């Protein structure tokens, strides 16, 4: 069985959507980690 070829448009679209969902998940997790990195460096403002 050929795993690198798509025989129908439906096969191609399902494969592409799967890759896009994985990519969106990786980007969302990366953005969350980056946001935590940026905000973790802030020190609380002292009011005295």
Protein backbone atom coordinates (compact mmCIF):
# COMPACT_ATOMS: atom_id res chain seq x y z
CA UNK A 1 0.00 0.00 0.00
CA UNK A 2 1.32 3.41 -0.97
CA UNK A 3 1.31 5.73 2.03
CA UNK A 4 2.71 8.76 0.20
CA UNK A 5 0.03 9.12 -2.46
CA UNK A 6 -3.53 10.35 -2.24
CA UNK A 7 -6.03 8.64 -4.51
CA UNK A 8 -8.95 10.97 -3.85
CA UNK A 9 -9.47 14.57 -2.92
CA UNK A 10 -11.14 13.43 0.30
CA UNK A 11 -7.97 11.57 1.38
CA UNK A 12 -5.90 14.68 0.77
CA UNK A 13 -8.26 17.00 2.66
CA UNK A 14 -8.52 14.69 5.68
CA UNK A 15 -4.73 14.36 5.80
CA UNK A 16 -4.26 18.14 5.47
CA UNK A 17 -6.83 18.93 8.16
CA UNK A 18 -5.12 16.51 10.54
CA UNK A 19 -1.78 18.21 9.99
CA UNK A 20 -3.32 21.66 10.46
CA UNK A 21 -4.97 20.66 13.76
CA UNK A 22 -1.64 19.32 15.05
CA UNK A 23 0.11 22.52 13.95
CA UNK A 24 -2.53 24.70 15.65
CA UNK A 25 -2.12 22.73 18.87
CA UNK A 26 1.66 23.14 18.80
CA UNK A 27 1.33 26.88 18.13
CA UNK A 28 -1.19 27.30 20.97
CA UNK A 29 1.04 25.45 23.45
CA UNK A 30 4.08 27.41 22.24
CA UNK A 31 2.24 30.72 22.66
CA UNK A 32 1.19 29.73 26.18
CA UNK A 33 4.75 28.81 27.14
CA UNK A 34 6.08 32.03 25.61
CA UNK A 35 3.45 34.10 27.46
CA UNK A 36 4.38 32.42 30.75
CA UNK A 37 8.05 33.15 30.02
CA UNK A 38 7.32 36.83 29.42
CA UNK A 39 5.08 37.35 32.45
CA UNK A 40 7.17 35.32 34.90
CA UNK A 41 9.89 37.94 34.84
CA UNK A 42 7.67 40.74 36.12
CA UNK A 43 8.15 41.61 39.77
CA UNK A 44 5.22 42.81 41.85
CA UNK A 45 5.01 46.58 42.29
CA UNK A 46 5.91 47.64 45.82
CA UNK A 47 3.64 50.22 47.41
CA UNK A 48 5.37 51.68 50.44
